[in-house]
């Protein structure tokens, strides 16, 4: 079947690549700020024009067909070229440089806030835009050139077209509310946690793998009350209102710790650490603004006290 060149447009490609990045139509609709039927309609039109099935929809999400994998590579390249063309067309000698940073939640406050402020003061001609979200969403934006780089944890599931540079390692901490029965103890062992609900990421996530390895290295998982959640808001409320113990990346609760809202229990283990760094595209060099940002990021962290 021949495909009309005017029938497929950027709306179809953006919907398709966002769904692939997010793994579901629901997540894509939220991130694109359009309705679920609109996303579904774009995908249906795209598949009809191409005459092939691109995605297999299941209860667990969507998966690319063989045709979908081939089309996705080209769709990403088309969007990347389009975004680069738009940037060049809109750039003028007097226009400010724009640095678009993707921030995983663990890095959004702890790392980015001070470095963006330094960037603002030292390079007033550079406009910084920060976009936060899950890795799948951000890496899709990175591949299509809609953001310049991603700061945060190594995810490692799909590194096609991107590369990761580790900058430092971040602690995974166990936090409780400030008046928790364990909060004032100078020494806590794993058995002390058994009476309490432990909040952790679902099985299969890198954070949960670190948690399980830590727990197994010290004792047994038998008898532990583990509540799985990916919601930071739920975890904060649960820990604040009940006697829960939250396994969480330090960057996510840095402000909570500084304000004294939560306390970190005295656990330390090399199993409770993970790399934080920079994810960048392999098909284009970093801009001057991104290079300057990276240097500030390295200098800032070098001057921080050990966690």
C-alpha atoms as a PDB file:
ATOM      1  CA  UNK A   1       0.000   0.000   0.000  1.00  0.00           C
ATOM      2  CA  UNK A   2       1.358   3.437  -0.898  1.00  0.00           C
ATOM      3  CA  UNK A   3       1.345   5.997   1.877  1.00  0.00           C
ATOM      4  CA  UNK A   4       0.201   9.513   1.193  1.00  0.00           C
ATOM      5  CA  UNK A   5       2.973  11.900   2.242  1.00  0.00           C
ATOM      6  CA  UNK A   6       0.452  14.374   3.621  1.00  0.00           C
ATOM      7  CA  UNK A   7      -1.512  11.829   5.638  1.00  0.00           C
ATOM      8  CA  UNK A   8       1.163  11.237   8.283  1.00  0.00           C
ATOM      9  CA  UNK A   9       2.286  14.292  10.198  1.00  0.00           C
ATOM     10  CA  UNK A  10       4.275  15.197  13.313  1.00  0.00           C
ATOM     11  CA  UNK A  11       1.245  14.628  15.534  1.00  0.00           C
ATOM     12  CA  UNK A  12       1.257  10.953  14.619  1.00  0.00           C
ATOM     13  CA  UNK A  13       5.002  10.580  15.121  1.00  0.00           C
ATOM     14  CA  UNK A  14       4.982  12.348  18.487  1.00  0.00           C
ATOM     15  CA  UNK A  15       2.103  10.258  19.757  1.00  0.00           C
ATOM     16  CA  UNK A  16       3.773   7.049  18.582  1.00  0.00           C
ATOM     17  CA  UNK A  17       7.233   7.793  20.029  1.00  0.00           C
ATOM     18  CA  UNK A  18       5.766   9.006  23.328  1.00  0.00           C
ATOM     19  CA  UNK A  19       3.684   5.846  23.717  1.00  0.00           C
ATOM     20  CA  UNK A  20       6.765   3.738  23.013  1.00  0.00           C
ATOM     21  CA  UNK A  21       8.807   5.706  25.565  1.00  0.00           C
ATOM     22  CA  UNK A  22       6.116   5.528  28.246  1.00  0.00           C
ATOM     23  CA  UNK A  23       5.059   1.969  27.592  1.00  0.00           C
ATOM     24  CA  UNK A  24       1.361   2.765  27.724  1.00  0.00           C
ATOM     25  CA  UNK A  25      -1.259   4.991  26.103  1.00  0.00           C
ATOM     26  CA  UNK A  26      -2.485   6.253  29.471  1.00  0.00           C
ATOM     27  CA  UNK A  27       0.937   7.518  30.539  1.00  0.00           C
ATOM     28  CA  UNK A  28       1.532   9.059  27.122  1.00  0.00           C
ATOM     29  CA  UNK A  29      -1.774  10.937  27.225  1.00  0.00           C
ATOM     30  CA  UNK A  30      -0.904  12.408  30.612  1.00  0.00           C
ATOM     31  CA  UNK A  31       2.556  13.507  29.553  1.00  0.00           C
ATOM     32  CA  UNK A  32       1.313  14.977  26.272  1.00  0.00           C
ATOM     33  CA  UNK A  33      -1.631  16.662  28.032  1.00  0.00           C
ATOM     34  CA  UNK A  34      -4.142  15.260  25.575  1.00  0.00           C
ATOM     35  CA  UNK A  35      -6.992  12.806  26.014  1.00  0.00           C
ATOM     36  CA  UNK A  36      -6.542   9.043  25.835  1.00  0.00           C
ATOM     37  CA  UNK A  37      -8.938   8.798  22.832  1.00  0.00           C
ATOM     38  CA  UNK A  38      -6.807  11.380  21.002  1.00  0.00           C
ATOM     39  CA  UNK A  39      -3.660   9.279  21.499  1.00  0.00           C
ATOM     40  CA  UNK A  40      -5.487   6.128  20.421  1.00  0.00           C
ATOM     41  CA  UNK A  41      -6.873   7.902  17.344  1.00  0.00           C
ATOM     42  CA  UNK A  42      -3.388   9.077  16.292  1.00  0.00           C
ATOM     43  CA  UNK A  43      -1.989   5.558  16.580  1.00  0.00           C
ATOM     44  CA  UNK A  44      -4.902   4.047  14.687  1.00  0.00           C
ATOM     45  CA  UNK A  45      -4.547   6.580  11.856  1.00  0.00           C
ATOM     46  CA  UNK A  46      -0.805   5.942  11.677  1.00  0.00           C
ATOM     47  CA  UNK A  47      -1.220   2.169  11.456  1.00  0.00           C
ATOM     48  CA  UNK A  48      -3.978   2.508   8.866  1.00  0.00           C
ATOM     49  CA  UNK A  49      -1.859   4.752   6.643  1.00  0.00           C
ATOM     50  CA  UNK A  50       1.136   2.437   6.898  1.00  0.00           C
ATOM     51  CA  UNK A  51      -0.959  -0.674   6.503  1.00  0.00           C
ATOM     52  CA  UNK A  52       0.913  -2.512   9.283  1.00  0.00           C
ATOM     53  CA  UNK A  53       0.509  -3.062  13.007  1.00  0.00           C
ATOM     54  CA  UNK A  54       3.111  -1.118  14.962  1.00  0.00           C
ATOM     55  CA  UNK A  55       2.089  -1.879  18.537  1.00  0.00           C
ATOM     56  CA  UNK A  56       0.638  -4.814  20.428  1.00  0.00           C
ATOM     57  CA  UNK A  57      -1.582  -3.647  23.285  1.00  0.00           C
ATOM     58  CA  UNK A  58      -1.760  -5.772  26.447  1.00  0.00           C
ATOM     59  CA  UNK A  59      -2.916  -5.265  30.010  1.00  0.00           C
ATOM     60  CA  UNK A  60       0.700  -4.648  30.999  1.00  0.00           C
ATOM     61  CA  UNK A  61       1.257  -1.975  28.349  1.00  0.00           C
ATOM     62  CA  UNK A  62       2.327  -1.871  24.730  1.00  0.00           C
ATOM     63  CA  UNK A  63       5.046  -3.698  22.818  1.00  0.00           C
ATOM     64  CA  UNK A  64       6.543  -2.962  19.422  1.00  0.00           C
ATOM     65  CA  UNK A  65       6.023  -5.369  16.579  1.00  0.00           C
ATOM     66  CA  UNK A  66       8.919  -6.047  14.211  1.00  0.00           C
ATOM     67  CA  UNK A  67       7.507  -3.416  11.847  1.00  0.00           C
ATOM     68  CA  UNK A  68       7.071  -1.082  14.813  1.00  0.00           C
ATOM     69  CA  UNK A  69      10.723  -1.407  15.812  1.00  0.00           C
ATOM     70  CA  UNK A  70      11.886  -0.530  12.329  1.00  0.00           C
ATOM     71  CA  UNK A  71       9.473   2.407  12.038  1.00  0.00           C
ATOM     72  CA  UNK A  72      10.358   3.709  15.515  1.00  0.00           C
ATOM     73  CA  UNK A  73      14.034   4.156  14.606  1.00  0.00           C
ATOM     74  CA  UNK A  74      13.128   6.320  11.637  1.00  0.00           C
ATOM     75  CA  UNK A  75      10.403   8.226  13.496  1.00  0.00           C
ATOM     76  CA  UNK A  76      12.919   9.225  16.173  1.00  0.00           C
ATOM     77  CA  UNK A  77      15.360  10.403  13.503  1.00  0.00           C
ATOM     78  CA  UNK A  78      12.648  12.435  11.747  1.00  0.00           C
ATOM     79  CA  UNK A  79      11.616  14.186  14.968  1.00  0.00           C
ATOM     80  CA  UNK A  80      15.234  14.811  15.912  1.00  0.00           C
ATOM     81  CA  UNK A  81      15.987  16.373  12.526  1.00  0.00           C
ATOM     82  CA  UNK A  82      12.827  18.473  12.699  1.00  0.00           C
ATOM     83  CA  UNK A  83      13.664  19.798  16.169  1.00  0.00           C
ATOM     84  CA  UNK A  84      17.223  20.618  15.133  1.00  0.00           C
ATOM     85  CA  UNK A  85      15.933  22.433  12.056  1.00  0.00           C
ATOM     86  CA  UNK A  86      13.523  24.449  14.194  1.00  0.00           C
ATOM     87  CA  UNK A  87      16.288  25.396  16.605  1.00  0.00           C
ATOM     88  CA  UNK A  88      18.543  26.584  13.791  1.00  0.00           C
ATOM     89  CA  UNK A  89      15.774  28.462  12.015  1.00  0.00           C
ATOM     90  CA  UNK A  90      14.756  30.286  15.184  1.00  0.00           C
ATOM     91  CA  UNK A  91      18.271  31.093  16.319  1.00  0.00           C
ATOM     92  CA  UNK A  92      19.540  34.628  15.725  1.00  0.00           C
ATOM     93  CA  UNK A  93      22.745  36.349  16.851  1.00  0.00           C
ATOM     94  CA  UNK A  94      20.824  38.148  19.601  1.00  0.00           C
ATOM     95  CA  UNK A  95      18.676  35.203  20.729  1.00  0.00           C
ATOM     96  CA  UNK A  96      19.613  33.616  24.084  1.00  0.00           C
ATOM     97  CA  UNK A  97      20.978  30.089  24.089  1.00  0.00           C
ATOM     98  CA  UNK A  98      18.553  27.552  25.510  1.00  0.00           C
ATOM     99  CA  UNK A  99      19.658  24.587  27.605  1.00  0.00           C
ATOM    100  CA  UNK A 100      16.944  21.970  28.074  1.00  0.00           C
ATOM    101  CA  UNK A 101      17.669  19.656  30.984  1.00  0.00           C
ATOM    102  CA  UNK A 102      15.733  16.503  31.761  1.00  0.00           C
ATOM    103  CA  UNK A 103      15.748  15.695  35.472  1.00  0.00           C
ATOM    104  CA  UNK A 104      14.879  12.388  37.057  1.00  0.00           C
ATOM    105  CA  UNK A 105      13.086  13.020  40.369  1.00  0.00           C
ATOM    106  CA  UNK A 106      16.088  12.091  42.519  1.00  0.00           C
ATOM    107  CA  UNK A 107      18.159  14.841  40.877  1.00  0.00           C
ATOM    108  CA  UNK A 108      15.537  17.535  40.367  1.00  0.00           C
ATOM    109  CA  UNK A 109      16.122  19.327  43.648  1.00  0.00           C
ATOM    110  CA  UNK A 110      19.325  18.097  45.223  1.00  0.00           C
ATOM    111  CA  UNK A 111      21.576  18.569  42.192  1.00  0.00           C
ATOM    112  CA  UNK A 112      19.783  20.835  39.776  1.00  0.00           C
ATOM    113  CA  UNK A 113      18.551  23.675  41.971  1.00  0.00           C
ATOM    114  CA  UNK A 114      22.021  24.886  43.065  1.00  0.00           C
ATOM    115  CA  UNK A 115      23.663  24.234  39.687  1.00  0.00           C
ATOM    116  CA  UNK A 116      20.901  25.977  37.718  1.00  0.00           C
ATOM    117  CA  UNK A 117      21.236  28.984  40.056  1.00  0.00           C
ATOM    118  CA  UNK A 118      24.988  29.095  39.411  1.00  0.00           C
ATOM    119  CA  UNK A 119      24.299  28.795  35.691  1.00  0.00           C
ATOM    120  CA  UNK A 120      21.821  31.676  35.874  1.00  0.00           C
ATOM    121  CA  UNK A 121      24.307  33.941  37.634  1.00  0.00           C
ATOM    122  CA  UNK A 122      27.418  33.042  35.653  1.00  0.00           C
ATOM    123  CA  UNK A 123      25.831  32.779  32.202  1.00  0.00           C
ATOM    124  CA  UNK A 124      22.858  35.181  32.100  1.00  0.00           C
ATOM    125  CA  UNK A 125      22.663  34.803  28.316  1.00  0.00           C
ATOM    126  CA  UNK A 126      21.722  31.126  28.613  1.00  0.00           C
ATOM    127  CA  UNK A 127      18.096  30.258  29.301  1.00  0.00           C
ATOM    128  CA  UNK A 128      17.705  27.014  31.261  1.00  0.00           C
ATOM    129  CA  UNK A 129      14.557  24.908  30.990  1.00  0.00           C
ATOM    130  CA  UNK A 130      14.031  21.928  33.327  1.00  0.00           C
ATOM    131  CA  UNK A 131      11.711  19.050  32.490  1.00  0.00           C
ATOM    132  CA  UNK A 132      11.142  16.345  35.099  1.00  0.00           C
ATOM    133  CA  UNK A 133       9.604  12.930  34.570  1.00  0.00           C
ATOM    134  CA  UNK A 134      10.194   9.203  34.402  1.00  0.00           C
ATOM    135  CA  UNK A 135      13.188   7.869  32.500  1.00  0.00           C
ATOM    136  CA  UNK A 136      11.231   6.403  29.577  1.00  0.00           C
ATOM    137  CA  UNK A 137       9.574   9.752  28.902  1.00  0.00           C
ATOM    138  CA  UNK A 138      12.772  11.777  29.211  1.00  0.00           C
ATOM    139  CA  UNK A 139      14.921   9.460  27.098  1.00  0.00           C
ATOM    140  CA  UNK A 140      12.299   9.689  24.339  1.00  0.00           C
ATOM    141  CA  UNK A 141      12.648  13.470  24.455  1.00  0.00           C
ATOM    142  CA  UNK A 142      16.435  13.142  24.422  1.00  0.00           C
ATOM    143  CA  UNK A 143      16.430  10.937  21.325  1.00  0.00           C
ATOM    144  CA  UNK A 144      14.225  13.361  19.392  1.00  0.00           C
ATOM    145  CA  UNK A 145      16.293  16.392  20.405  1.00  0.00           C
ATOM    146  CA  UNK A 146      13.601  18.008  22.554  1.00  0.00           C
ATOM    147  CA  UNK A 147      15.976  18.046  25.522  1.00  0.00           C
ATOM    148  CA  UNK A 148      19.779  18.237  25.576  1.00  0.00           C
ATOM    149  CA  UNK A 149      20.663  15.899  28.428  1.00  0.00           C
ATOM    150  CA  UNK A 150      19.292  13.993  31.419  1.00  0.00           C
ATOM    151  CA  UNK A 151      20.599  14.212  34.968  1.00  0.00           C
ATOM    152  CA  UNK A 152      19.839  11.387  37.385  1.00  0.00           C
ATOM    153  CA  UNK A 153      20.275   7.700  38.120  1.00  0.00           C
ATOM    154  CA  UNK A 154      21.427   5.147  35.605  1.00  0.00           C
ATOM    155  CA  UNK A 155      18.370   3.205  34.467  1.00  0.00           C
ATOM    156  CA  UNK A 156      20.087   0.926  31.998  1.00  0.00           C
ATOM    157  CA  UNK A 157      17.071  -0.730  30.393  1.00  0.00           C
ATOM    158  CA  UNK A 158      17.278   0.836  26.937  1.00  0.00           C
ATOM    159  CA  UNK A 159      20.506   2.662  26.082  1.00  0.00           C
ATOM    160  CA  UNK A 160      19.981   2.721  22.315  1.00  0.00           C
ATOM    161  CA  UNK A 161      21.254   6.044  20.959  1.00  0.00           C
ATOM    162  CA  UNK A 162      22.307   7.385  24.370  1.00  0.00           C
ATOM    163  CA  UNK A 163      25.296   7.064  26.690  1.00  0.00           C
ATOM    164  CA  UNK A 164      25.667   7.391  30.452  1.00  0.00           C
ATOM    165  CA  UNK A 165      28.532   9.108  32.304  1.00  0.00           C
ATOM    166  CA  UNK A 166      28.648   8.480  36.053  1.00  0.00           C
ATOM    167  CA  UNK A 167      29.417  11.570  38.127  1.00  0.00           C
ATOM    168  CA  UNK A 168      29.087  10.199  41.650  1.00  0.00           C
ATOM    169  CA  UNK A 169      27.264   7.589  43.719  1.00  0.00           C
ATOM    170  CA  UNK A 170      24.111   8.351  45.672  1.00  0.00           C
ATOM    171  CA  UNK A 171      23.026   6.691  48.896  1.00  0.00           C
ATOM    172  CA  UNK A 172      19.791   4.810  49.245  1.00  0.00           C
ATOM    173  CA  UNK A 173      18.654   5.754  52.748  1.00  0.00           C
ATOM    174  CA  UNK A 174      16.088   4.426  55.214  1.00  0.00           C
ATOM    175  CA  UNK A 175      14.010   7.314  56.540  1.00  0.00           C
ATOM    176  CA  UNK A 176      11.352   7.569  59.241  1.00  0.00           C
ATOM    177  CA  UNK A 177       9.348  10.415  60.746  1.00  0.00           C
ATOM    178  CA  UNK A 178      11.254  12.474  63.326  1.00  0.00           C
ATOM    179  CA  UNK A 179       9.379  10.982  66.311  1.00  0.00           C
ATOM    180  CA  UNK A 180       9.487   7.381  65.084  1.00  0.00           C
ATOM    181  CA  UNK A 181      10.454   4.814  67.782  1.00  0.00           C
ATOM    182  CA  UNK A 182      13.745   4.165  65.928  1.00  0.00           C
ATOM    183  CA  UNK A 183      14.551   7.795  65.107  1.00  0.00           C
ATOM    184  CA  UNK A 184      16.772   8.518  68.122  1.00  0.00           C
ATOM    185  CA  UNK A 185      18.728   5.263  68.148  1.00  0.00           C
ATOM    186  CA  UNK A 186      22.452   5.428  67.475  1.00  0.00           C
ATOM    187  CA  UNK A 187      22.503   1.821  66.290  1.00  0.00           C
ATOM    188  CA  UNK A 188      19.810  -0.061  64.372  1.00  0.00           C
ATOM    189  CA  UNK A 189      19.997  -3.630  63.079  1.00  0.00           C
ATOM    190  CA  UNK A 190      17.799  -5.219  60.468  1.00  0.00           C
ATOM    191  CA  UNK A 191      15.726  -7.198  62.968  1.00  0.00           C
ATOM    192  CA  UNK A 192      14.655  -3.864  64.502  1.00  0.00           C
ATOM    193  CA  UNK A 193      12.735  -3.158  61.271  1.00  0.00           C
ATOM    194  CA  UNK A 194      10.540  -6.255  61.412  1.00  0.00           C
ATOM    195  CA  UNK A 195       7.676  -4.660  63.402  1.00  0.00           C
ATOM    196  CA  UNK A 196       7.325  -1.883  60.821  1.00  0.00           C
ATOM    197  CA  UNK A 197       6.053  -1.560  57.262  1.00  0.00           C
ATOM    198  CA  UNK A 198       8.919  -1.089  54.780  1.00  0.00           C
ATOM    199  CA  UNK A 199       8.136   1.091  51.766  1.00  0.00           C
ATOM    200  CA  UNK A 200      10.096   0.154  48.641  1.00  0.00           C
ATOM    201  CA  UNK A 201       9.880   0.271  44.855  1.00  0.00           C
ATOM    202  CA  UNK A 202       8.189  -2.664  43.082  1.00  0.00           C
ATOM    203  CA  UNK A 203      10.156  -5.775  42.219  1.00  0.00           C
ATOM    204  CA  UNK A 204      12.162  -5.464  39.024  1.00  0.00           C
ATOM    205  CA  UNK A 205      13.190  -1.842  39.546  1.00  0.00           C
ATOM    206  CA  UNK A 206      16.874  -1.110  40.119  1.00  0.00           C
ATOM    207  CA  UNK A 207      16.142   0.464  43.500  1.00  0.00           C
ATOM    208  CA  UNK A 208      14.250  -2.639  44.619  1.00  0.00           C
ATOM    209  CA  UNK A 209      17.077  -4.890  43.483  1.00  0.00           C
ATOM    210  CA  UNK A 210      19.440  -2.890  45.706  1.00  0.00           C
ATOM    211  CA  UNK A 211      16.980  -3.109  48.601  1.00  0.00           C
ATOM    212  CA  UNK A 212      16.509  -6.863  48.282  1.00  0.00           C
ATOM    213  CA  UNK A 213      20.254  -7.483  47.986  1.00  0.00           C
ATOM    214  CA  UNK A 214      20.826  -5.428  51.130  1.00  0.00           C
ATOM    215  CA  UNK A 215      18.115  -7.211  53.083  1.00  0.00           C
ATOM    216  CA  UNK A 216      19.259 -10.670  51.979  1.00  0.00           C
ATOM    217  CA  UNK A 217      22.880  -9.887  52.839  1.00  0.00           C
ATOM    218  CA  UNK A 218      21.900  -9.086  56.419  1.00  0.00           C
ATOM    219  CA  UNK A 219      19.057 -11.460  57.148  1.00  0.00           C
ATOM    220  CA  UNK A 220      16.050 -13.036  55.440  1.00  0.00           C
ATOM    221  CA  UNK A 221      13.107 -11.471  53.644  1.00  0.00           C
ATOM    222  CA  UNK A 222      10.791 -13.806  55.553  1.00  0.00           C
ATOM    223  CA  UNK A 223       8.552 -11.937  57.958  1.00  0.00           C
ATOM    224  CA  UNK A 224       9.325  -8.478  56.552  1.00  0.00           C
ATOM    225  CA  UNK A 225       6.294  -6.296  55.751  1.00  0.00           C
ATOM    226  CA  UNK A 226       7.129  -4.713  52.375  1.00  0.00           C
ATOM    227  CA  UNK A 227       4.686  -2.239  50.851  1.00  0.00           C
ATOM    228  CA  UNK A 228       5.465  -1.582  47.175  1.00  0.00           C
ATOM    229  CA  UNK A 229       4.983   1.919  45.800  1.00  0.00           C
ATOM    230  CA  UNK A 230       6.404   4.295  43.204  1.00  0.00           C
ATOM    231  CA  UNK A 231       4.494   7.289  44.575  1.00  0.00           C
ATOM    232  CA  UNK A 232       6.660   9.813  46.400  1.00  0.00           C
ATOM    233  CA  UNK A 233       3.574  11.631  47.692  1.00  0.00           C
ATOM    234  CA  UNK A 234       2.044   8.467  49.154  1.00  0.00           C
ATOM    235  CA  UNK A 235       5.357   7.464  50.743  1.00  0.00           C
ATOM    236  CA  UNK A 236       5.855  10.870  52.343  1.00  0.00           C
ATOM    237  CA  UNK A 237       2.346  10.888  53.813  1.00  0.00           C
ATOM    238  CA  UNK A 238       2.575   7.288  55.012  1.00  0.00           C
ATOM    239  CA  UNK A 239       5.936   7.859  56.713  1.00  0.00           C
ATOM    240  CA  UNK A 240       4.707  11.101  58.271  1.00  0.00           C
ATOM    241  CA  UNK A 241       1.464   9.644  59.635  1.00  0.00           C
ATOM    242  CA  UNK A 242       2.516   6.093  60.491  1.00  0.00           C
ATOM    243  CA  UNK A 243       5.543   4.108  61.621  1.00  0.00           C
ATOM    244  CA  UNK A 244       6.707   3.190  58.130  1.00  0.00           C
ATOM    245  CA  UNK A 245      10.359   2.930  57.064  1.00  0.00           C
ATOM    246  CA  UNK A 246      11.047   4.237  53.553  1.00  0.00           C
ATOM    247  CA  UNK A 247      13.891   2.970  51.354  1.00  0.00           C
ATOM    248  CA  UNK A 248      14.477   6.032  49.175  1.00  0.00           C
ATOM    249  CA  UNK A 249      17.147   7.786  47.143  1.00  0.00           C
ATOM    250  CA  UNK A 250      18.775  10.542  49.208  1.00  0.00           C
ATOM    251  CA  UNK A 251      18.157  13.110  46.503  1.00  0.00           C
ATOM    252  CA  UNK A 252      14.394  12.621  46.785  1.00  0.00           C
ATOM    253  CA  UNK A 253      14.338  13.415  50.503  1.00  0.00           C
ATOM    254  CA  UNK A 254      17.262  15.835  50.771  1.00  0.00           C
ATOM    255  CA  UNK A 255      14.974  18.768  51.546  1.00  0.00           C
ATOM    256  CA  UNK A 256      12.932  16.669  54.016  1.00  0.00           C
ATOM    257  CA  UNK A 257      16.148  15.745  55.840  1.00  0.00           C
ATOM    258  CA  UNK A 258      17.395  19.326  55.930  1.00  0.00           C
ATOM    259  CA  UNK A 259      14.063  20.545  57.312  1.00  0.00           C
ATOM    260  CA  UNK A 260      14.046  17.806  59.929  1.00  0.00           C
ATOM    261  CA  UNK A 261      10.783  16.321  58.688  1.00  0.00           C
ATOM    262  CA  UNK A 262      12.338  12.851  58.494  1.00  0.00           C
ATOM    263  CA  UNK A 263      15.374  11.138  59.983  1.00  0.00           C
ATOM    264  CA  UNK A 264      17.773   8.751  58.260  1.00  0.00           C
ATOM    265  CA  UNK A 265      18.398   5.549  60.179  1.00  0.00           C
ATOM    266  CA  UNK A 266      22.079   4.668  60.778  1.00  0.00           C
ATOM    267  CA  UNK A 267      22.518   2.111  58.022  1.00  0.00           C
ATOM    268  CA  UNK A 268      25.428   2.210  55.589  1.00  0.00           C
ATOM    269  CA  UNK A 269      26.253  -0.375  52.950  1.00  0.00           C
ATOM    270  CA  UNK A 270      27.906  -0.421  49.508  1.00  0.00           C
ATOM    271  CA  UNK A 271      24.772  -2.285  48.390  1.00  0.00           C
ATOM    272  CA  UNK A 272      22.734   0.848  49.121  1.00  0.00           C
ATOM    273  CA  UNK A 273      24.475   3.026  46.556  1.00  0.00           C
ATOM    274  CA  UNK A 274      23.827   3.708  42.886  1.00  0.00           C
ATOM    275  CA  UNK A 275      25.473   5.921  40.244  1.00  0.00           C
ATOM    276  CA  UNK A 276      24.122   9.393  39.456  1.00  0.00           C
ATOM    277  CA  UNK A 277      25.232  10.983  36.239  1.00  0.00           C
ATOM    278  CA  UNK A 278      24.523  12.375  32.838  1.00  0.00           C
ATOM    279  CA  UNK A 279      22.698  10.690  29.968  1.00  0.00           C
ATOM    280  CA  UNK A 280      23.470  12.271  26.601  1.00  0.00           C
ATOM    281  CA  UNK A 281      22.716  11.436  22.946  1.00  0.00           C
ATOM    282  CA  UNK A 282      25.287   9.654  20.799  1.00  0.00           C
ATOM    283  CA  UNK A 283      24.151  11.148  17.484  1.00  0.00           C
ATOM    284  CA  UNK A 284      25.029  14.771  18.221  1.00  0.00           C
ATOM    285  CA  UNK A 285      27.621  16.668  20.308  1.00  0.00           C
ATOM    286  CA  UNK A 286      26.708  18.561  23.449  1.00  0.00           C
ATOM    287  CA  UNK A 287      26.087  22.255  22.916  1.00  0.00           C
ATOM    288  CA  UNK A 288      28.369  24.879  24.455  1.00  0.00           C
ATOM    289  CA  UNK A 289      25.662  25.602  27.029  1.00  0.00           C
ATOM    290  CA  UNK A 290      25.455  21.918  27.965  1.00  0.00           C
ATOM    291  CA  UNK A 291      29.247  21.712  28.311  1.00  0.00           C
ATOM    292  CA  UNK A 292      29.262  24.741  30.608  1.00  0.00           C
ATOM    293  CA  UNK A 293      26.448  23.247  32.655  1.00  0.00           C
ATOM    294  CA  UNK A 294      28.334  19.966  32.988  1.00  0.00           C
ATOM    295  CA  UNK A 295      31.460  21.726  34.254  1.00  0.00           C
ATOM    296  CA  UNK A 296      29.428  23.554  36.900  1.00  0.00           C
ATOM    297  CA  UNK A 297      27.786  20.279  37.879  1.00  0.00           C
ATOM    298  CA  UNK A 298      31.155  18.556  38.351  1.00  0.00           C
ATOM    299  CA  UNK A 299      32.608  21.472  40.311  1.00  0.00           C
ATOM    300  CA  UNK A 300      29.559  21.762  42.553  1.00  0.00           C
ATOM    301  CA  UNK A 301      29.571  18.108  43.504  1.00  0.00           C
ATOM    302  CA  UNK A 302      33.346  18.073  44.086  1.00  0.00           C
ATOM    303  CA  UNK A 303      32.829  20.780  46.712  1.00  0.00           C
ATOM    304  CA  UNK A 304      30.078  18.914  48.558  1.00  0.00           C
ATOM    305  CA  UNK A 305      30.838  17.114  51.837  1.00  0.00           C
ATOM    306  CA  UNK A 306      30.646  13.342  51.836  1.00  0.00           C
ATOM    307  CA  UNK A 307      27.097  12.036  52.410  1.00  0.00           C
END
